[in-house]
C-alpha atoms as a PDB file:
ATOM      1  CA  MET A   1     113.079 108.362 110.463  1.00  0.00           C
ATOM      2  CA  SER A   2     112.808 110.175 113.736  1.00  0.00           C
ATOM      3  CA  GLU A   3     110.581 108.273 117.087  1.00  0.00           C
ATOM      4  CA  PRO A   4     106.532 108.332 115.359  1.00  0.00           C
ATOM      5  CA  THR A   5     104.222 109.669 117.947  1.00  0.00           C
ATOM      6  CA  ALA A   6     101.793 108.076 116.970  1.00  0.00           C
ATOM      7  CA  VAL A   7     101.223 104.114 116.139  1.00  0.00           C
ATOM      8  CA  VAL A   8      98.580 102.366 113.722  1.00  0.00           C
ATOM      9  CA  LEU A   9      98.308  99.024 114.233  1.00  0.00           C
ATOM     10  CA  LEU A  10      96.350  98.337 110.636  1.00  0.00           C
ATOM     11  CA  ALA A  11      94.582  94.926 110.921  1.00  0.00           C
ATOM     12  CA  HIS A  12      91.887  93.320 108.219  1.00  0.00           C
ATOM     13  CA  GLY A  13      88.191  93.142 110.114  1.00  0.00           C
ATOM     14  CA  SER A  14      85.503  91.175 110.780  1.00  0.00           C
ATOM     15  CA  PRO A  15      81.950  90.956 111.375  1.00  0.00           C
ATOM     16  CA  ASP A  16      82.105  88.890 114.598  1.00  0.00           C
ATOM     17  CA  PRO A  17      83.281  90.898 117.459  1.00  0.00           C
ATOM     18  CA  ASP A  18      85.030  88.263 119.345  1.00  0.00           C
ATOM     19  CA  TRP A  19      87.967  88.401 116.961  1.00  0.00           C
ATOM     20  CA  ARG A  20      89.204  91.860 117.910  1.00  0.00           C
ATOM     21  CA  ARG A  21      90.423  90.810 121.436  1.00  0.00           C
ATOM     22  CA  PRO A  22      93.490  89.123 119.618  1.00  0.00           C
ATOM     23  CA  ILE A  23      94.401  92.810 117.994  1.00  0.00           C
ATOM     24  CA  ASP A  24      93.159  95.039 120.858  1.00  0.00           C
ATOM     25  CA  ALA A  25      95.992  93.374 123.425  1.00  0.00           C
ATOM     26  CA  LEU A  26      98.197  93.611 120.874  1.00  0.00           C
ATOM     27  CA  ALA A  27      97.647  96.760 120.862  1.00  0.00           C
ATOM     28  CA  GLN A  28      97.633  97.282 124.669  1.00  0.00           C
ATOM     29  CA  ARG A  29     100.717  95.960 124.836  1.00  0.00           C
ATOM     30  CA  LEU A  30     102.577  97.843 122.613  1.00  0.00           C
ATOM     31  CA  SER A  31     100.764 101.027 124.218  1.00  0.00           C
ATOM     32  CA  GLU A  32     102.777  99.328 128.038  1.00  0.00           C
ATOM     33  CA  ARG A  33     106.084  99.082 125.845  1.00  0.00           C
ATOM     34  CA  ARG A  34     105.768 102.598 124.189  1.00  0.00           C
ATOM     35  CA  PRO A  35     104.217 104.384 126.591  1.00  0.00           C
ATOM     36  CA  GLN A  36     105.788 108.310 124.218  1.00  0.00           C
ATOM     37  CA  SER A  37     103.711 107.148 120.949  1.00  0.00           C
ATOM     38  CA  THR A  38      99.973 106.561 121.444  1.00  0.00           C
ATOM     39  CA  VAL A  39      98.908 103.415 119.776  1.00  0.00           C
ATOM     40  CA  THR A  40      95.154 103.103 118.249  1.00  0.00           C
ATOM     41  CA  VAL A  41      94.113 100.401 115.954  1.00  0.00           C
ATOM     42  CA  ALA A  42      92.653 100.767 112.397  1.00  0.00           C
ATOM     43  CA  TYR A  43      90.100  98.137 110.049  1.00  0.00           C
ATOM     44  CA  LEU A  44      90.535  97.433 106.361  1.00  0.00           C
ATOM     45  CA  GLY A  45      86.593  96.510 107.045  1.00  0.00           C
ATOM     46  CA  PHE A  46      83.502  95.282 109.187  1.00  0.00           C
ATOM     47  CA  LEU A  47      84.920  97.585 111.769  1.00  0.00           C
ATOM     48  CA  ALA A  48      85.723 101.126 113.265  1.00  0.00           C
ATOM     49  CA  PRO A  49      87.672 102.830 112.410  1.00  0.00           C
ATOM     50  CA  THR A  50      88.988 102.688 109.151  1.00  0.00           C
ATOM     51  CA  LEU A  51      92.947 103.836 108.495  1.00  0.00           C
ATOM     52  CA  ALA A  52      91.220 107.113 107.735  1.00  0.00           C
ATOM     53  CA  GLU A  53      89.689 107.504 110.450  1.00  0.00           C
ATOM     54  CA  ALA A  54      92.206 107.032 112.754  1.00  0.00           C
ATOM     55  CA  ILE A  55      94.258 109.049 110.927  1.00  0.00           C
ATOM     56  CA  ASP A  56      92.066 111.723 110.825  1.00  0.00           C
ATOM     57  CA  ALA A  57      91.419 111.253 115.047  1.00  0.00           C
ATOM     58  CA  LEU A  58      95.756 111.540 114.783  1.00  0.00           C
ATOM     59  CA  ALA A  59      96.044 114.252 113.064  1.00  0.00           C
ATOM     60  CA  HIS A  60      93.149 116.533 115.408  1.00  0.00           C
ATOM     61  CA  GLN A  61      95.127 115.595 118.296  1.00  0.00           C
ATOM     62  CA  GLY A  62      97.587 117.205 117.287  1.00  0.00           C
ATOM     63  CA  HIS A  63      99.552 114.556 115.769  1.00  0.00           C
ATOM     64  CA  ARG A  64     102.921 114.541 114.008  1.00  0.00           C
ATOM     65  CA  ASP A  65     104.676 111.980 112.200  1.00  0.00           C
ATOM     66  CA  VAL A  66     102.385 107.828 112.656  1.00  0.00           C
ATOM     67  CA  VAL A  67     103.600 104.847 111.198  1.00  0.00           C
ATOM     68  CA  VAL A  68     100.817 102.077 110.588  1.00  0.00           C
ATOM     69  CA  LEU A  69     102.131  98.796 111.457  1.00  0.00           C
ATOM     70  CA  CYS A  70      99.598  95.723 109.310  1.00  0.00           C
ATOM     71  CA  ALA A  71      98.314  93.648 112.021  1.00  0.00           C
ATOM     72  CA  PHE A  72      98.132  90.771 109.078  1.00  0.00           C
ATOM     73  CA  LEU A  73      99.561  86.771 109.634  1.00  0.00           C
ATOM     74  CA  SER A  74     101.267  86.925 106.046  1.00  0.00           C
ATOM     75  CA  PRO A  75     103.027  89.818 103.747  1.00  0.00           C
ATOM     76  CA  GLY A  76     101.659  88.185 100.841  1.00  0.00           C
ATOM     77  CA  GLY A  77      97.752  88.720  99.385  1.00  0.00           C
ATOM     78  CA  ARG A  78      96.103  91.978  97.789  1.00  0.00           C
ATOM     79  CA  HIS A  79      95.226  94.029 100.857  1.00  0.00           C
ATOM     80  CA  ILE A  80      99.185  94.138 102.147  1.00  0.00           C
ATOM     81  CA  LYS A  81     101.249  94.506  98.440  1.00  0.00           C
ATOM     82  CA  GLU A  82      98.164  96.453  97.380  1.00  0.00           C
ATOM     83  CA  ASP A  83      95.189  97.737  99.451  1.00  0.00           C
ATOM     84  CA  VAL A  84      97.367  98.858 102.174  1.00  0.00           C
ATOM     85  CA  PRO A  85      99.815 101.057  99.926  1.00  0.00           C
ATOM     86  CA  ARG A  86      97.068 102.104  97.697  1.00  0.00           C
ATOM     87  CA  LEU A  87      95.313 103.124 102.151  1.00  0.00           C
ATOM     88  CA  VAL A  88      98.382 104.944 103.189  1.00  0.00           C
ATOM     89  CA  ALA A  89      98.813 107.194 100.522  1.00  0.00           C
ATOM     90  CA  GLU A  90      95.411 108.253  99.987  1.00  0.00           C
ATOM     91  CA  GLN A  91      95.620 108.893 104.135  1.00  0.00           C
ATOM     92  CA  ALA A  92      99.408 111.191 102.471  1.00  0.00           C
ATOM     93  CA  ALA A  93      97.542 112.983 100.193  1.00  0.00           C
ATOM     94  CA  ALA A  94      95.161 114.603 102.378  1.00  0.00           C
ATOM     95  CA  HIS A  95      97.398 115.213 105.568  1.00  0.00           C
ATOM     96  CA  PRO A  96     100.762 117.009 104.225  1.00  0.00           C
ATOM     97  CA  GLU A  97     100.735 118.304 107.659  1.00  0.00           C
ATOM     98  CA  LEU A  98     101.080 114.207 108.252  1.00  0.00           C
ATOM     99  CA  GLN A  99     104.866 112.112 108.628  1.00  0.00           C
ATOM    100  CA  LEU A 100     102.980 110.030 107.245  1.00  0.00           C
ATOM    101  CA  HIS A 101     105.247 106.749 107.117  1.00  0.00           C
ATOM    102  CA  LEU A 102     104.088 102.654 105.996  1.00  0.00           C
ATOM    103  CA  ARG A 103     106.162  99.570 106.942  1.00  0.00           C
ATOM    104  CA  PRO A 104     106.604  97.592 104.432  1.00  0.00           C
ATOM    105  CA  GLY A 105     104.927  93.382 105.037  1.00  0.00           C
ATOM    106  CA  ALA A 106     103.055  91.756 107.720  1.00  0.00           C
ATOM    107  CA  LEU A 107     103.493  91.143 111.726  1.00  0.00           C
ATOM    108  CA  GLY A 108     103.308  87.713 111.668  1.00  0.00           C
ATOM    109  CA  ALA A 109     105.878  87.165 109.332  1.00  0.00           C
ATOM    110  CA  GLU A 110     108.644  88.945 111.891  1.00  0.00           C
ATOM    111  CA  PRO A 111     110.563  86.126 113.528  1.00  0.00           C
ATOM    112  CA  GLU A 112     110.091  86.262 116.730  1.00  0.00           C
ATOM    113  CA  VAL A 113     105.904  86.379 115.915  1.00  0.00           C
ATOM    114  CA  VAL A 114     106.905  82.688 114.675  1.00  0.00           C
ATOM    115  CA  GLU A 115     108.480  81.705 116.942  1.00  0.00           C
ATOM    116  CA  ALA A 116     105.816  82.444 119.513  1.00  0.00           C
ATOM    117  CA  LEU A 117     102.505  80.281 117.437  1.00  0.00           C
ATOM    118  CA  ALA A 118     106.133  77.960 117.148  1.00  0.00           C
ATOM    119  CA  ALA A 119     106.028  77.883 120.909  1.00  0.00           C
ATOM    120  CA  ALA A 120     101.742  77.942 120.953  1.00  0.00           C
ATOM    121  CA  ALA A 121     100.995  75.203 118.308  1.00  0.00           C
ATOM    122  CA  GLU A 122     103.295  73.132 120.423  1.00  0.00           C
ATOM    123  CA  ARG A 123     101.859  73.805 123.372  1.00  0.00           C
ATOM    124  CA  ALA A 124      99.093  72.930 121.867  1.00  0.00           C
ATOM    125  CA  LEU A 125     100.040  69.526 120.509  1.00  0.00           C
ATOM    126  CA  HIS A 126     100.945  69.071 124.021  1.00  0.00           C
ATOM    127  CA  GLU A 127      97.330  69.645 125.314  1.00  0.00           C
ATOM    128  CA  ALA A 128      95.871  67.187 122.347  1.00  0.00           C
ATOM    129  CA  GLY A 129      97.808  65.099 123.622  1.00  0.00           C
ATOM    130  CA  SER A 130      97.057  64.757 126.742  1.00  0.00           C
ATOM    131  CA  SER A 131      92.754  63.771 126.082  1.00  0.00           C
ATOM    132  CA  PRO A 132      91.421  61.134 124.280  1.00  0.00           C
ATOM    133  CA  PRO A 133      92.000  61.247 119.874  1.00  0.00           C
ATOM    134  CA  SER A 134      88.832  63.179 119.372  1.00  0.00           C
ATOM    135  CA  ARG A 135      86.678  60.630 116.205  1.00  0.00           C
ATOM    136  CA  ARG A 136      86.117  62.155 112.449  1.00  0.00           C
END
């Protein structure tokens, strides 16, 4: 596969507008790291754009090589194993001019992400130890 000209970070989505902040931050950081690629976010539900809308926009902008990365924590579950591959296949059929690739799995399962989460959990536990325990 050649270097993609566009990357779609596909996330689940939520009706809570605060939910999207870390996904938007991820897209921003990836854009900074890969200025040669257009990075966009798409959602399975609740938020726009959908994967179809994001792929349509990228095709309209002239991109021809697009990679879809799942910005999910776990590679398990129906979305990653069934829904996302089906949606990407539908978009590949709708856009035969594109080289559309789905990177299997979920970003959250990558060793670097697991390590970063462990470090964040350790910091949170340390901070929790600095304050009185909560009463239930």
